[in-house]
Amino acid sequence: MKQSDVLESREALDETNPSAFKPTFELTKGQPRPIAANGGHSYMYRERNGDAGTTAATEDALAQIARGKGQAVIDILENAPPGPVQTKWGLGFRGYDECMEHIRKNNIQAPEGGLVVPLRYTIHEEPSYSIVSSNAMWRDPNRESDAQSLRKNERDNGRRSLYFPQVLRDARRMEEYYPGLSASSPECMDRLGVSLGYCDSKCENFYDSEEVERVFYPEMERLLLEFFPGATDALVYNHDVFDKDYQGDRTENQEQKNPGVNANYAYIVHNDLNDNSGRVRCRELLTQNLRNFGREQHYTGSQADRKMARRFMSINLAKPMESVRQNPFVLCAWPSFADQPYITNYRVYDDRVGETTRFTYRPEHEWYWFPNQQPNEVSMLKCYDSVTDGSVSRWSFHTACVDPTAPDDAPCRKNVVVRSFVFF
C-alpha cells in the first residue's frame, strides 16, 4: 500500500477522534500531486500528543539530510565545469552576473515597459524543511548536533538553486496582453492571481508596528472589501517591513506583535501558502488567533467550518513607502504554471507545521512587475483560493529581483507587506 493510501485511510479514522483540524487533501482540477512529504497531506495527520506533527516533521528533516540527496545536488553544481549548467529545464547559472551576461550576449528582449532579469529557482525536487527561530530545539543543549545539521541544511537551500533568465512584463499594460482585462480589477485576480490596488495611507510611520496595525490594517481591509464584489469579510492578520538600509532597531517580537524590520529580500521563487496551509492557516486564525496581529477572532470550530465552506482567499498586499527604484517585487501569473507540481517547504514551529512552496524553472512562466511602483500603488497577489474546480487562479508565486537598469546608487525597496484572508 502506498503512503498516500495509508494517509487516506488514516483520514477516515481521525474523523472519529479529531484532536485538531486536519485539512482534506486538495488538488486543483488538472494539477499534479505536489512534491511533498506524506503524499501531500498535512503533518497534522502525524500528530503525536497534540504536537501538530512537529516531531514527525523534524524527524523527516533529519532523515532527509542523512539520505544525502540535497548534498549530492550541491556537489554536482560545485563540481561542474565553469559556465552555464545544463539542466532538464534549460540553461541555469550559478551567479547573477553570469546569467545577466547571457541575457546581454543573446540579446534577450522584453516588450515595452518590460525587463529581462535573472530569477532564482530551486533545482532540488524534494520537499525542504525550515526549523523557525522560535523553535525550542535551538535552545536545547541535548540537541546541539541536530540543530547544527538542520541549520547547515537550511543555509544550503540557496546552494541548491540557479539563476534563469526571465522576461518581466509591465503589469500596467495588462490590456495589451489580455484585451479588456485591467490589472486593477478583480477579474485580473481571478484569471491571473495578480492585480493592482490603490491606497493613500494615513499611516505615518510604517516602522511602528502598533501604528501599522491600528491604521494600515483597516485601510487594507477596506481596500479588499471594495475591490472584490461579494466579499463579506476581510482579515489582515500580520505584516512585514522590508528596508535593507534601515538604521533603527530591527528586533522581532512576536509576543508583542512586532515583526521587526527585514534587512533581506526573498530572492527565490516561492509562494507563501499551498493546498494544506491555506486552509489550516485560516482556521487557526479564526479559532485560536494563532499569531494574529489583527482583529481578534472568536469562532468555534463549527462556526469556522461554516465560514470556510464558502469561498475564501488569501491575498498578500505590498505597498511601497517610497517609489521603488531597486529590488522590485515581481509576480508570476497562474495560467503559466497551473499544471506544474509545486515543491513543499515545511516551516516547523513548536506548535504547528506551516507549508510554503517553491517551483522549478519554466521559460514560459509569465512574470509581471510594476516599474517604479509608487507609494499609493498596492501590488496584490493571491496566495490561496479555496475554489479548486479550475475556474479561477489558485495562487501566484513571487520573488524579489535586482533591476540591472537601475542606477548604482538607487536605494533598495522600502515597503510593507500585509497578509490577509478575504471571505465571500
Protein backbone atom coordinates (compact mmCIF):
# COMPACT_ATOMS: atom_id res chain seq x y z
CA MET A 1 0.00 0.00 0.00
CA LYS A 2 1.33 3.45 -0.91
CA GLN A 3 1.96 6.07 1.81
CA SER A 4 -0.78 8.23 0.30
CA ASP A 5 -3.26 5.33 0.59
CA VAL A 6 -2.31 4.86 4.24
CA LEU A 7 -2.97 8.53 4.86
CA GLU A 8 -6.33 8.40 3.07
CA SER A 9 -7.33 5.56 5.42
CA ARG A 10 -5.99 7.41 8.43
CA GLU A 11 -8.06 10.42 7.42
CA ALA A 12 -11.26 8.39 7.87
CA LEU A 13 -10.11 7.07 11.24
CA ASP A 14 -9.21 10.53 12.50
CA GLU A 15 -12.74 11.80 11.91
CA THR A 16 -13.82 9.80 14.99
CA ASN A 17 -11.20 11.47 17.18
CA PRO A 18 -10.48 14.96 15.79
CA SER A 19 -7.91 16.21 18.32
CA ALA A 20 -7.01 19.01 15.90
CA PHE A 21 -8.06 20.27 12.48
CA LYS A 22 -6.78 18.10 9.65
CA PRO A 23 -7.34 19.55 6.18
CA THR A 24 -8.81 17.33 3.48
CA PHE A 25 -6.31 16.67 0.71
CA GLU A 26 -6.99 19.11 -2.15
CA LEU A 27 -5.81 19.44 -5.71
CA THR A 28 -6.93 21.89 -8.35
CA LYS A 29 -8.52 20.29 -11.39
CA GLY A 30 -5.66 19.36 -13.73
CA GLN A 31 -2.96 19.89 -11.10
CA PRO A 32 -0.45 17.07 -10.48
CA ARG A 33 0.30 15.91 -6.96
CA PRO A 34 2.86 18.11 -5.23
CA ILE A 35 6.42 17.12 -4.45
CA ALA A 36 5.84 16.76 -0.73
CA ALA A 37 6.07 14.54 2.32
CA ASN A 38 3.14 12.38 3.43
CA GLY A 39 1.78 12.03 -0.09
CA GLY A 40 0.93 15.73 0.05
CA HIS A 41 -1.12 15.51 3.26
CA SER A 42 -0.61 17.85 6.20
CA TYR A 43 1.67 16.84 9.05
CA MET A 44 -1.43 17.14 11.24
CA TYR A 45 -2.13 13.54 10.25
CA ARG A 46 1.06 12.54 12.06
CA GLU A 47 0.24 14.41 15.23
CA ARG A 48 1.55 12.93 18.48
CA ASN A 49 0.20 14.02 21.83
CA GLY A 50 -1.02 17.35 20.48
CA ASP A 51 2.29 18.34 18.83
CA ALA A 52 0.60 19.16 15.46
CA GLY A 53 3.06 16.87 13.66
CA THR A 54 6.14 18.89 14.59
CA THR A 55 8.03 15.87 15.95
CA ALA A 56 7.44 13.88 12.77
CA ALA A 57 8.45 16.83 10.59
CA THR A 58 11.72 17.29 12.49
CA GLU A 59 12.46 13.57 12.23
CA ASP A 60 11.78 13.66 8.49
CA ALA A 61 14.06 16.66 8.07
CA LEU A 62 16.94 14.86 9.79
CA ALA A 63 16.29 11.66 7.84
CA GLN A 64 16.34 13.59 4.59
CA ILE A 65 19.72 15.11 5.50
CA ALA A 66 21.05 11.63 6.28
CA ARG A 67 19.98 10.33 2.84
CA GLY A 68 22.28 12.93 1.30
CA LYS A 69 20.36 13.81 -1.88
CA GLY A 70 20.46 17.51 -1.09
CA GLN A 71 24.22 17.43 -0.65
CA ALA A 72 24.52 15.49 -3.90
CA VAL A 73 22.82 18.36 -5.76
CA ILE A 74 25.29 20.82 -4.24
CA ASP A 75 28.23 18.58 -5.20
CA ILE A 76 27.02 18.38 -8.80
CA LEU A 77 26.77 22.17 -9.05
CA GLU A 78 30.09 22.86 -7.36
CA ASN A 79 31.98 20.21 -9.35
CA ALA A 80 30.52 21.20 -12.71
CA PRO A 81 32.91 22.98 -15.09
CA PRO A 82 32.77 26.79 -15.26
CA GLY A 83 29.96 28.33 -17.23
CA PRO A 84 26.24 27.64 -17.51
CA VAL A 85 24.78 24.46 -16.06
CA GLN A 86 22.63 22.35 -18.37
CA THR A 87 19.50 21.29 -16.51
CA LYS A 88 16.39 19.47 -17.70
CA TRP A 89 14.61 22.84 -17.64
CA GLY A 90 17.24 24.75 -19.63
CA LEU A 91 20.50 26.61 -19.00
CA GLY A 92 20.95 27.75 -15.41
CA PHE A 93 23.62 29.97 -13.93
CA ARG A 94 25.31 29.86 -10.55
CA GLY A 95 25.68 33.63 -10.35
CA TYR A 96 23.51 36.66 -11.14
CA ASP A 97 26.22 38.38 -13.20
CA GLU A 98 26.84 35.27 -15.30
CA CYS A 99 23.13 34.99 -16.10
CA MET A 100 22.96 38.71 -16.88
CA GLU A 101 25.88 38.36 -19.31
CA HIS A 102 24.00 35.51 -21.04
CA ILE A 103 20.93 37.76 -21.38
CA ARG A 104 23.03 40.54 -22.96
CA LYS A 105 25.03 38.23 -25.20
CA ASN A 106 21.90 36.62 -26.59
CA ASN A 107 20.07 39.94 -26.85
CA ILE A 108 17.01 38.61 -25.00
CA GLN A 109 14.40 41.33 -25.30
CA ALA A 110 11.38 42.36 -23.27
CA PRO A 111 8.27 44.15 -24.57
CA GLU A 112 7.95 47.89 -23.96
CA GLY A 113 7.92 48.63 -20.24
CA GLY A 114 9.36 45.20 -19.51
CA LEU A 115 12.70 43.94 -18.32
CA VAL A 116 14.80 40.79 -18.66
CA VAL A 117 16.37 39.66 -15.41
CA PRO A 118 17.91 36.62 -13.73
CA LEU A 119 15.47 34.98 -11.34
CA ARG A 120 16.49 32.36 -8.81
CA TYR A 121 14.72 28.98 -8.80
CA THR A 122 15.32 25.82 -6.81
CA ILE A 123 16.60 22.84 -8.79
CA HIS A 124 16.08 20.38 -5.93
CA GLU A 125 12.91 18.37 -6.42
CA GLU A 126 12.46 17.25 -2.83
CA PRO A 127 10.47 18.85 -0.02
CA SER A 128 12.53 21.14 2.19
CA TYR A 129 12.41 21.97 5.90
CA SER A 130 12.99 25.13 7.91
CA ILE A 131 13.09 25.00 11.72
CA VAL A 132 11.93 28.50 12.67
CA SER A 133 13.98 30.66 15.03
CA SER A 134 11.44 30.41 17.87
CA ASN A 135 11.59 26.58 17.93
CA ALA A 136 12.78 25.25 21.31
CA MET A 137 15.30 22.98 19.57
CA TRP A 138 17.72 25.88 19.17
CA ARG A 139 17.85 26.29 22.97
CA ASP A 140 18.11 22.59 23.86
CA PRO A 141 21.74 21.67 24.67
CA ASN A 142 20.92 17.98 24.20
CA ARG A 143 20.04 18.59 20.56
CA GLU A 144 23.03 20.67 19.53
CA SER A 145 24.15 18.12 16.93
CA ASP A 146 20.70 18.00 15.32
CA ALA A 147 20.49 21.79 15.40
CA GLN A 148 23.82 22.14 13.61
CA SER A 149 22.74 19.71 10.88
CA LEU A 150 19.42 21.46 10.38
CA ARG A 151 20.99 24.92 10.39
CA LYS A 152 23.54 23.91 7.74
CA ASN A 153 20.85 22.24 5.63
CA GLU A 154 18.71 25.36 5.60
CA ARG A 155 21.68 27.53 4.63
CA ASP A 156 22.37 25.04 1.85
CA ASN A 157 18.92 25.57 0.31
CA GLY A 158 20.36 28.55 -1.53
CA ARG A 159 23.17 26.39 -2.87
CA ARG A 160 20.57 24.13 -4.48
CA SER A 161 19.27 26.89 -6.75
CA LEU A 162 20.29 28.53 -10.00
CA TYR A 163 19.53 31.75 -11.86
CA PHE A 164 17.50 31.54 -15.06
CA PRO A 165 16.65 34.38 -17.48
CA GLN A 166 13.06 35.60 -17.38
CA VAL A 167 11.10 38.37 -19.07
CA LEU A 168 9.11 40.71 -16.82
CA ARG A 169 6.10 42.40 -18.42
CA ASP A 170 4.78 45.76 -17.26
CA ALA A 171 1.60 44.83 -15.37
CA ARG A 172 0.12 48.29 -16.00
CA ARG A 173 -0.08 47.28 -19.67
CA MET A 174 -2.13 44.17 -18.91
CA GLU A 175 -4.77 45.04 -21.53
CA GLU A 176 -2.08 44.80 -24.23
CA TYR A 177 -1.58 41.15 -23.30
CA TYR A 178 -5.16 40.34 -22.33
CA PRO A 179 -7.55 42.65 -24.22
CA GLY A 180 -10.25 44.01 -21.95
CA LEU A 181 -8.51 42.88 -18.75
CA SER A 182 -7.43 45.66 -16.40
CA ALA A 183 -4.70 44.99 -13.85
CA SER A 184 -6.82 46.94 -11.37
CA SER A 185 -9.75 44.54 -11.48
CA PRO A 186 -10.96 41.50 -9.55
CA GLU A 187 -11.23 39.72 -12.90
CA CYS A 188 -7.45 40.01 -13.22
CA MET A 189 -7.03 38.39 -9.81
CA ASP A 190 -9.44 35.59 -10.74
CA ARG A 191 -7.70 34.94 -14.04
CA LEU A 192 -4.01 35.55 -13.24
CA GLY A 193 -3.69 35.67 -9.44
CA VAL A 194 -2.22 39.20 -9.52
CA SER A 195 -3.70 42.70 -9.58
CA LEU A 196 -3.10 46.32 -8.57
CA GLY A 197 -4.91 48.35 -5.93
CA TYR A 198 -4.55 51.90 -4.68
CA CYS A 199 -4.30 53.40 -1.21
CA ASP A 200 -3.26 56.83 0.04
CA SER A 201 -2.48 55.61 3.51
CA LYS A 202 -2.77 57.76 6.60
CA CYS A 203 -0.13 55.66 8.36
CA GLU A 204 2.81 57.97 9.04
CA ASN A 205 5.36 55.53 10.46
CA PHE A 206 5.48 52.03 8.99
CA TYR A 207 8.30 51.11 11.37
CA ASP A 208 5.88 51.48 14.30
CA SER A 209 4.09 48.13 14.39
CA GLU A 210 1.31 49.42 16.63
CA GLU A 211 0.51 52.25 14.20
CA VAL A 212 0.60 49.86 11.25
CA GLU A 213 -1.88 47.55 12.97
CA ARG A 214 -4.12 50.44 14.11
CA VAL A 215 -4.14 52.47 10.87
CA PHE A 216 -2.88 50.42 7.93
CA TYR A 217 -4.61 47.10 8.64
CA PRO A 218 -8.13 48.65 8.50
CA GLU A 219 -7.16 50.52 5.32
CA MET A 220 -6.15 47.28 3.64
CA GLU A 221 -9.31 45.52 4.83
CA ARG A 222 -11.42 48.32 3.31
CA LEU A 223 -9.44 48.08 0.06
CA LEU A 224 -10.13 44.34 -0.15
CA LEU A 225 -13.86 44.68 0.58
CA GLU A 226 -14.21 47.41 -2.04
CA PHE A 227 -12.06 45.56 -4.58
CA PHE A 228 -13.82 42.19 -4.53
CA PRO A 229 -17.55 42.12 -5.33
CA GLY A 230 -19.41 39.84 -2.97
CA ALA A 231 -16.73 39.90 -0.27
CA THR A 232 -18.35 39.87 3.18
CA ASP A 233 -15.31 40.00 5.47
CA ALA A 234 -11.57 40.68 5.26
CA LEU A 235 -8.99 39.97 7.93
CA VAL A 236 -5.46 41.37 7.79
CA TYR A 237 -3.51 39.25 10.24
CA ASN A 238 0.18 40.21 10.05
CA HIS A 239 2.74 42.24 8.19
CA ASP A 240 6.44 42.54 7.34
CA VAL A 241 8.54 45.62 6.72
CA PHE A 242 11.44 45.45 4.24
CA ASP A 243 14.22 48.01 4.31
CA LYS A 244 17.83 46.94 3.77
CA ASP A 245 19.16 50.38 4.73
CA TYR A 246 17.17 50.84 7.96
CA GLN A 247 19.40 52.06 10.81
CA GLY A 248 16.99 51.55 13.74
CA ASP A 249 16.10 48.55 15.89
CA ARG A 250 15.19 45.53 13.73
CA THR A 251 14.27 43.23 16.63
CA GLU A 252 11.34 40.90 16.04
CA ASN A 253 8.96 40.29 18.97
CA GLN A 254 6.06 38.02 18.04
CA GLU A 255 4.50 38.23 21.51
CA GLN A 256 4.19 42.00 21.13
CA LYS A 257 3.04 41.64 17.51
CA ASN A 258 6.16 43.33 16.22
CA PRO A 259 7.64 41.71 13.07
CA GLY A 260 10.81 43.79 13.21
CA VAL A 261 12.38 45.17 10.03
CA ASN A 262 13.78 42.81 7.39
CA ALA A 263 17.22 43.53 6.00
CA ASN A 264 16.95 40.80 3.36
CA TYR A 265 14.67 40.28 0.39
CA ALA A 266 13.36 36.86 -0.67
CA TYR A 267 15.37 36.13 -3.82
CA ILE A 268 13.96 32.68 -4.55
CA VAL A 269 10.77 31.89 -6.44
CA HIS A 270 8.12 30.87 -3.91
CA ASN A 271 4.54 31.14 -2.66
CA ASP A 272 3.54 31.66 0.98
CA LEU A 273 0.77 29.01 1.16
CA ASN A 274 -0.45 25.82 -0.51
CA ASP A 275 -3.39 23.40 -0.59
CA ASN A 276 -2.97 22.45 3.07
CA SER A 277 -1.65 25.60 4.70
CA GLY A 278 -4.20 27.94 3.11
CA ARG A 279 -6.99 26.15 4.92
CA VAL A 280 -5.05 25.39 8.13
CA ARG A 281 -3.78 28.96 8.50
CA CYS A 282 -7.27 30.39 8.03
CA ARG A 283 -8.88 28.10 10.59
CA GLU A 284 -6.22 28.60 13.26
CA LEU A 285 -6.64 32.36 12.93
CA LEU A 286 -10.41 32.15 13.27
CA THR A 287 -10.47 29.70 16.18
CA GLN A 288 -7.18 30.32 18.03
CA ASN A 289 -5.93 33.77 16.95
CA LEU A 290 -2.63 31.97 16.43
CA ARG A 291 -0.03 34.63 15.57
CA ASN A 292 -2.80 37.02 14.62
CA PHE A 293 -1.63 40.64 14.73
CA GLY A 294 -5.01 41.92 13.57
CA ARG A 295 -8.57 41.93 14.92
CA GLU A 296 -9.25 39.17 17.41
CA GLN A 297 -11.46 36.36 16.12
CA HIS A 298 -13.86 34.33 18.27
CA TYR A 299 -15.12 31.47 16.10
CA THR A 300 -15.88 27.99 17.34
CA GLY A 301 -14.65 25.14 15.20
CA SER A 302 -18.09 24.56 13.69
CA GLN A 303 -18.58 28.28 13.02
CA ALA A 304 -15.20 28.46 11.30
CA ASP A 305 -16.05 25.41 9.19
CA ARG A 306 -19.28 27.05 8.03
CA LYS A 307 -17.45 30.27 7.15
CA MET A 308 -14.78 28.31 5.26
CA ALA A 309 -17.40 26.21 3.44
CA ARG A 310 -17.93 29.27 1.24
CA ARG A 311 -15.20 30.69 -0.96
CA PHE A 312 -12.25 32.37 0.76
CA MET A 313 -8.88 33.61 -0.47
CA SER A 314 -5.53 34.64 0.96
CA ILE A 315 -4.16 37.84 -0.55
CA ASN A 316 -0.79 39.49 0.08
CA LEU A 317 -0.69 43.26 -0.42
CA ALA A 318 2.62 45.11 -0.86
CA LYS A 319 2.77 48.91 -0.58
CA PRO A 320 5.98 50.93 -1.01
CA MET A 321 6.90 53.64 1.47
CA GLU A 322 8.59 55.50 -1.39
CA SER A 323 8.97 54.94 -5.13
CA VAL A 324 10.62 51.57 -5.77
CA ARG A 325 13.90 52.02 -7.59
CA GLN A 326 15.74 48.76 -6.80
CA ASN A 327 14.88 45.23 -5.62
CA PRO A 328 11.36 45.24 -7.09
CA PHE A 329 8.73 42.72 -6.06
CA VAL A 330 7.75 40.58 -9.09
CA LEU A 331 4.74 38.27 -9.60
CA CYS A 332 4.02 35.23 -11.79
CA ALA A 333 0.62 34.66 -13.39
CA TRP A 334 -1.33 31.48 -12.62
CA PRO A 335 -2.07 30.10 -16.11
CA SER A 336 1.64 29.73 -16.89
CA PHE A 337 2.18 27.18 -14.10
CA ALA A 338 -1.31 25.82 -13.39
CA ASP A 339 -0.26 22.30 -14.45
CA GLN A 340 3.10 22.37 -12.63
CA PRO A 341 3.65 20.50 -9.34
CA TYR A 342 4.81 22.69 -6.50
CA ILE A 343 7.55 21.67 -4.06
CA THR A 344 6.53 21.97 -0.42
CA ASN A 345 8.73 23.74 2.12
CA TYR A 346 7.81 22.92 5.72
CA ARG A 347 8.24 25.58 8.40
CA VAL A 348 8.45 23.77 11.73
CA TYR A 349 7.32 25.66 14.84
CA ASP A 350 6.77 24.19 18.30
CA ASP A 351 3.00 24.12 17.81
CA ARG A 352 2.43 23.87 14.07
CA VAL A 353 4.00 22.94 10.74
CA GLY A 354 3.46 25.65 8.16
CA GLU A 355 3.74 24.94 4.44
CA THR A 356 5.07 27.23 1.72
CA THR A 357 6.02 26.27 -1.83
CA ARG A 358 8.83 26.55 -4.33
CA PHE A 359 8.86 25.92 -8.06
CA THR A 360 11.33 24.86 -10.71
CA TYR A 361 12.03 27.00 -13.76
CA ARG A 362 9.94 27.10 -16.91
CA PRO A 363 10.78 29.50 -19.75
CA GLU A 364 7.06 30.09 -20.31
CA HIS A 365 6.42 31.40 -16.79
CA GLU A 366 4.56 34.68 -17.22
CA TRP A 367 6.16 37.29 -14.95
CA TYR A 368 4.95 40.83 -14.21
CA TRP A 369 6.24 43.85 -12.36
CA PHE A 370 5.18 47.45 -11.72
CA PRO A 371 8.08 49.64 -12.87
CA ASN A 372 8.86 52.45 -10.43
CA GLN A 373 5.96 51.38 -8.21
CA GLN A 374 4.56 54.41 -6.38
CA PRO A 375 3.64 54.73 -2.68
CA ASN A 376 -0.10 54.78 -3.43
CA GLU A 377 0.09 51.61 -5.58
CA VAL A 378 -0.54 48.30 -3.84
CA SER A 379 0.56 45.18 -5.66
CA MET A 380 -1.76 42.30 -4.81
CA LEU A 381 -1.03 38.62 -5.21
CA LYS A 382 -3.09 35.58 -4.43
CA CYS A 383 -1.52 33.02 -2.11
CA TYR A 384 -4.52 30.69 -1.85
CA ASP A 385 -8.05 30.25 -3.17
CA SER A 386 -10.47 27.64 -1.85
CA VAL A 387 -12.03 27.16 -5.32
CA THR A 388 -10.45 24.04 -6.83
CA ASP A 389 -12.51 23.43 -9.99
CA GLY A 390 -10.04 25.28 -12.23
CA SER A 391 -12.40 28.18 -12.93
CA VAL A 392 -10.15 30.70 -11.15
CA SER A 393 -6.48 31.05 -10.24
CA ARG A 394 -5.45 29.15 -7.10
CA TRP A 395 -2.36 31.28 -6.37
CA SER A 396 0.52 33.16 -7.90
CA PHE A 397 4.16 32.94 -6.94
CA HIS A 398 6.66 35.73 -6.46
CA THR A 399 10.19 36.79 -5.69
CA ALA A 400 12.44 39.82 -5.44
CA CYS A 401 14.98 40.62 -8.13
CA VAL A 402 17.75 43.06 -8.94
CA ASP A 403 16.91 45.62 -11.63
CA PRO A 404 20.01 45.86 -13.88
CA THR A 405 18.77 49.14 -15.39
CA ALA A 406 18.63 50.99 -12.06
CA PRO A 407 21.42 53.47 -11.20
CA ASP A 408 24.17 52.09 -8.98
CA ASP A 409 23.11 54.43 -6.18
CA ALA A 410 19.40 53.57 -6.42
CA PRO A 411 18.03 52.91 -2.91
CA CYS A 412 16.72 49.44 -2.11
CA ARG A 413 12.98 48.84 -1.88
CA LYS A 414 11.28 50.04 1.28
CA ASN A 415 7.83 48.57 1.61
CA VAL A 416 5.30 46.98 3.90
CA VAL A 417 3.60 43.66 3.07
CA VAL A 418 0.41 42.56 4.78
CA ARG A 419 -1.20 39.13 4.67
CA SER A 420 -4.93 38.69 4.64
CA PHE A 421 -7.91 36.43 4.17
CA VAL A 422 -10.99 37.52 2.23
CA PHE A 423 -14.33 35.74 2.73
CA PHE A 424 -17.38 35.57 0.45
